[in-house]
C-alpha cells in the first residue's frame, strides 16, 4: 500500500492525509482541553505532535509576498504543515500543505469545524 501511495502525486494524496491529520489533531485537542498533560498512547500530547511553530517572514521564499505562521508537522519526504495567515482582526486563512520531493499540493481549510479547531491550536501553540 505504501508503494502505491508513493507513486501517487501529492494532489492525489492530500485529501486522505489532511483528513488523517485533522482527526489526530482533534483527538489531541480534546485531550488538551481535559488536561494539557494528558498523553495519547499513539501521539503523546498536543505539544508532542509536530516539529515546530514559527513565523515565516514575507519574501523568505521566491514569490512569497506575505508572512505566515507555520505549524510544521513533519519534515523530509513527505512533509506536511499548516500555514496560518493573520491580519489585525485575526486568522483569515489557513492552508494545509503536503510536500514530497519536487511535488506538492495545498488545500485551503474551508470547513468551519476544522477552521475553529486549527485556530484554537494556533493560539495554544503561541500564535498572536
C-alpha atoms as a PDB file:
ATOM      1  CA  UNK A   1       0.000   0.000   0.000  1.00  0.00           C
ATOM      2  CA  UNK A   2       2.797   2.458   0.840  1.00  0.00           C
ATOM      3  CA  UNK A   3       4.395   1.930  -2.578  1.00  0.00           C
ATOM      4  CA  UNK A   4       1.041   2.644  -4.221  1.00  0.00           C
ATOM      5  CA  UNK A   5       0.772   5.871  -2.217  1.00  0.00           C
ATOM      6  CA  UNK A   6       4.346   6.798  -3.100  1.00  0.00           C
ATOM      7  CA  UNK A   7       3.515   6.593  -6.817  1.00  0.00           C
ATOM      8  CA  UNK A   8       0.585   8.976  -6.469  1.00  0.00           C
ATOM      9  CA  UNK A   9       1.080  12.729  -6.719  1.00  0.00           C
ATOM     10  CA  UNK A  10       0.698  14.977  -3.690  1.00  0.00           C
ATOM     11  CA  UNK A  11      -2.501  16.305  -5.226  1.00  0.00           C
ATOM     12  CA  UNK A  12      -3.896  12.758  -5.279  1.00  0.00           C
ATOM     13  CA  UNK A  13      -2.794  12.063  -1.692  1.00  0.00           C
ATOM     14  CA  UNK A  14      -3.574  15.338   0.068  1.00  0.00           C
ATOM     15  CA  UNK A  15      -7.256  14.700   0.888  1.00  0.00           C
ATOM     16  CA  UNK A  16      -6.537  11.493   2.828  1.00  0.00           C
ATOM     17  CA  UNK A  17      -3.505  12.967   4.585  1.00  0.00           C
ATOM     18  CA  UNK A  18      -5.429  16.115   5.545  1.00  0.00           C
ATOM     19  CA  UNK A  19      -8.310  14.071   6.959  1.00  0.00           C
ATOM     20  CA  UNK A  20      -5.955  11.864   8.983  1.00  0.00           C
ATOM     21  CA  UNK A  21      -4.028  14.871  10.322  1.00  0.00           C
ATOM     22  CA  UNK A  22      -7.144  16.801  11.377  1.00  0.00           C
ATOM     23  CA  UNK A  23      -8.522  13.707  13.114  1.00  0.00           C
ATOM     24  CA  UNK A  24      -5.281  13.307  15.077  1.00  0.00           C
ATOM     25  CA  UNK A  25      -5.209  16.994  16.000  1.00  0.00           C
ATOM     26  CA  UNK A  26      -8.867  16.829  17.061  1.00  0.00           C
ATOM     27  CA  UNK A  27      -8.076  13.903  19.332  1.00  0.00           C
ATOM     28  CA  UNK A  28      -5.076  15.690  20.848  1.00  0.00           C
ATOM     29  CA  UNK A  29      -7.044  18.923  21.292  1.00  0.00           C
ATOM     30  CA  UNK A  30      -9.831  17.113  23.153  1.00  0.00           C
ATOM     31  CA  UNK A  31      -7.230  15.600  25.457  1.00  0.00           C
ATOM     32  CA  UNK A  32      -5.622  19.029  25.942  1.00  0.00           C
ATOM     33  CA  UNK A  33      -8.955  20.557  26.934  1.00  0.00           C
ATOM     34  CA  UNK A  34      -9.429  17.878  29.603  1.00  0.00           C
ATOM     35  CA  UNK A  35      -5.835  18.043  30.832  1.00  0.00           C
ATOM     36  CA  UNK A  36      -2.969  19.756  28.924  1.00  0.00           C
ATOM     37  CA  UNK A  37      -0.611  16.980  30.007  1.00  0.00           C
ATOM     38  CA  UNK A  38      -2.938  14.105  29.068  1.00  0.00           C
ATOM     39  CA  UNK A  39      -0.989  11.657  26.954  1.00  0.00           C
ATOM     40  CA  UNK A  40      -2.426   9.933  23.877  1.00  0.00           C
ATOM     41  CA  UNK A  41      -0.945   6.417  23.590  1.00  0.00           C
ATOM     42  CA  UNK A  42      -0.149   6.921  19.896  1.00  0.00           C
ATOM     43  CA  UNK A  43       0.783  10.606  19.654  1.00  0.00           C
ATOM     44  CA  UNK A  44       1.620  11.969  23.107  1.00  0.00           C
ATOM     45  CA  UNK A  45       0.315  15.416  23.995  1.00  0.00           C
ATOM     46  CA  UNK A  46      -0.685  18.244  21.693  1.00  0.00           C
ATOM     47  CA  UNK A  47       2.759  19.757  22.251  1.00  0.00           C
ATOM     48  CA  UNK A  48       4.499  16.490  21.330  1.00  0.00           C
ATOM     49  CA  UNK A  49       2.827  16.393  17.922  1.00  0.00           C
ATOM     50  CA  UNK A  50       4.594  18.337  15.210  1.00  0.00           C
ATOM     51  CA  UNK A  51       8.078  19.707  14.866  1.00  0.00           C
ATOM     52  CA  UNK A  52       7.751  23.452  15.164  1.00  0.00           C
ATOM     53  CA  UNK A  53       5.648  26.561  15.160  1.00  0.00           C
ATOM     54  CA  UNK A  54       7.343  29.576  13.561  1.00  0.00           C
ATOM     55  CA  UNK A  55       6.658  32.839  11.808  1.00  0.00           C
ATOM     56  CA  UNK A  56       7.871  32.893   8.198  1.00  0.00           C
ATOM     57  CA  UNK A  57       8.748  36.457   7.192  1.00  0.00           C
ATOM     58  CA  UNK A  58       7.459  37.880   3.901  1.00  0.00           C
ATOM     59  CA  UNK A  59       9.794  37.210   0.969  1.00  0.00           C
ATOM     60  CA  UNK A  60      11.565  34.333   2.732  1.00  0.00           C
ATOM     61  CA  UNK A  61      10.830  32.298  -0.389  1.00  0.00           C
ATOM     62  CA  UNK A  62      10.598  33.361  -4.024  1.00  0.00           C
ATOM     63  CA  UNK A  63       7.136  34.732  -4.863  1.00  0.00           C
ATOM     64  CA  UNK A  64       6.082  34.773  -1.181  1.00  0.00           C
ATOM     65  CA  UNK A  65       4.673  38.242  -0.613  1.00  0.00           C
ATOM     66  CA  UNK A  66       3.083  37.837   2.819  1.00  0.00           C
ATOM     67  CA  UNK A  67       4.269  36.309   6.049  1.00  0.00           C
ATOM     68  CA  UNK A  68       2.532  33.403   7.735  1.00  0.00           C
ATOM     69  CA  UNK A  69       2.761  31.195  10.782  1.00  0.00           C
ATOM     70  CA  UNK A  70       3.929  27.688  10.002  1.00  0.00           C
ATOM     71  CA  UNK A  71       2.905  24.710  12.109  1.00  0.00           C
ATOM     72  CA  UNK A  72       5.348  22.139  10.767  1.00  0.00           C
ATOM     73  CA  UNK A  73       4.082  18.615  11.420  1.00  0.00           C
ATOM     74  CA  UNK A  74       6.651  16.503   9.585  1.00  0.00           C
ATOM     75  CA  UNK A  75       9.763  17.071   7.567  1.00  0.00           C
ATOM     76  CA  UNK A  76      11.507  15.328   4.695  1.00  0.00           C
ATOM     77  CA  UNK A  77       9.697  13.342   2.093  1.00  0.00           C
ATOM     78  CA  UNK A  78       6.828  13.629   2.576  1.00  0.00           C
ATOM     79  CA  UNK A  79       6.330  16.616   4.840  1.00  0.00           C
ATOM     80  CA  UNK A  80       3.217  18.479   5.855  1.00  0.00           C
ATOM     81  CA  UNK A  81       2.307  21.711   7.564  1.00  0.00           C
ATOM     82  CA  UNK A  82      -0.438  24.206   8.236  1.00  0.00           C
ATOM     83  CA  UNK A  83       0.054  27.836   7.265  1.00  0.00           C
ATOM     84  CA  UNK A  84      -1.881  30.488   9.161  1.00  0.00           C
ATOM     85  CA  UNK A  85      -2.375  33.910   7.604  1.00  0.00           C
ATOM     86  CA  UNK A  86      -3.192  36.645  10.101  1.00  0.00           C
ATOM     87  CA  UNK A  87      -4.366  40.253   9.947  1.00  0.00           C
ATOM     88  CA  UNK A  88      -5.189  42.626  12.793  1.00  0.00           C
ATOM     89  CA  UNK A  89      -8.636  41.066  13.024  1.00  0.00           C
ATOM     90  CA  UNK A  90      -7.229  37.544  13.407  1.00  0.00           C
ATOM     91  CA  UNK A  91      -6.717  34.485  11.249  1.00  0.00           C
ATOM     92  CA  UNK A  92      -8.213  34.987   7.806  1.00  0.00           C
ATOM     93  CA  UNK A  93      -6.864  31.932   6.000  1.00  0.00           C
ATOM     94  CA  UNK A  94      -5.456  28.514   6.862  1.00  0.00           C
ATOM     95  CA  UNK A  95      -3.777  26.298   4.291  1.00  0.00           C
ATOM     96  CA  UNK A  96      -2.644  22.695   4.578  1.00  0.00           C
ATOM     97  CA  UNK A  97       0.467  21.841   2.552  1.00  0.00           C
ATOM     98  CA  UNK A  98       1.617  18.342   1.642  1.00  0.00           C
ATOM     99  CA  UNK A  99       5.054  18.171   0.018  1.00  0.00           C
ATOM    100  CA  UNK A 100       7.094  15.264  -1.291  1.00  0.00           C
ATOM    101  CA  UNK A 101      10.342  15.676  -3.252  1.00  0.00           C
ATOM    102  CA  UNK A 102       9.727  18.068  -6.150  1.00  0.00           C
ATOM    103  CA  UNK A 103       5.968  17.740  -5.770  1.00  0.00           C
ATOM    104  CA  UNK A 104       3.473  19.500  -3.561  1.00  0.00           C
ATOM    105  CA  UNK A 105      -0.145  20.378  -3.063  1.00  0.00           C
ATOM    106  CA  UNK A 106      -2.091  22.719  -0.837  1.00  0.00           C
ATOM    107  CA  UNK A 107      -5.612  22.730   0.449  1.00  0.00           C
ATOM    108  CA  UNK A 108      -7.412  25.743   1.859  1.00  0.00           C
ATOM    109  CA  UNK A 109      -9.242  24.919   5.084  1.00  0.00           C
ATOM    110  CA  UNK A 110     -12.884  25.706   4.321  1.00  0.00           C
ATOM    111  CA  UNK A 111     -14.714  23.615   6.895  1.00  0.00           C
ATOM    112  CA  UNK A 112     -15.855  25.843   9.762  1.00  0.00           C
ATOM    113  CA  UNK A 113     -15.328  22.979  12.208  1.00  0.00           C
ATOM    114  CA  UNK A 114     -11.731  22.406  11.052  1.00  0.00           C
ATOM    115  CA  UNK A 115     -11.050  26.162  10.950  1.00  0.00           C
ATOM    116  CA  UNK A 116     -12.204  26.528  14.582  1.00  0.00           C
ATOM    117  CA  UNK A 117     -10.116  23.549  15.697  1.00  0.00           C
ATOM    118  CA  UNK A 118      -6.982  24.763  13.930  1.00  0.00           C
ATOM    119  CA  UNK A 119      -7.497  28.337  15.135  1.00  0.00           C
ATOM    120  CA  UNK A 120      -7.682  27.119  18.732  1.00  0.00           C
ATOM    121  CA  UNK A 121      -4.488  25.107  18.241  1.00  0.00           C
ATOM    122  CA  UNK A 122      -2.828  28.162  16.637  1.00  0.00           C
ATOM    123  CA  UNK A 123      -3.363  30.197  19.797  1.00  0.00           C
ATOM    124  CA  UNK A 124      -2.316  27.335  22.084  1.00  0.00           C
ATOM    125  CA  UNK A 125       0.930  26.944  20.123  1.00  0.00           C
ATOM    126  CA  UNK A 126       1.752  30.593  20.643  1.00  0.00           C
ATOM    127  CA  UNK A 127       0.205  32.407  17.711  1.00  0.00           C
ATOM    128  CA  UNK A 128      -0.606  36.026  18.388  1.00  0.00           C
END
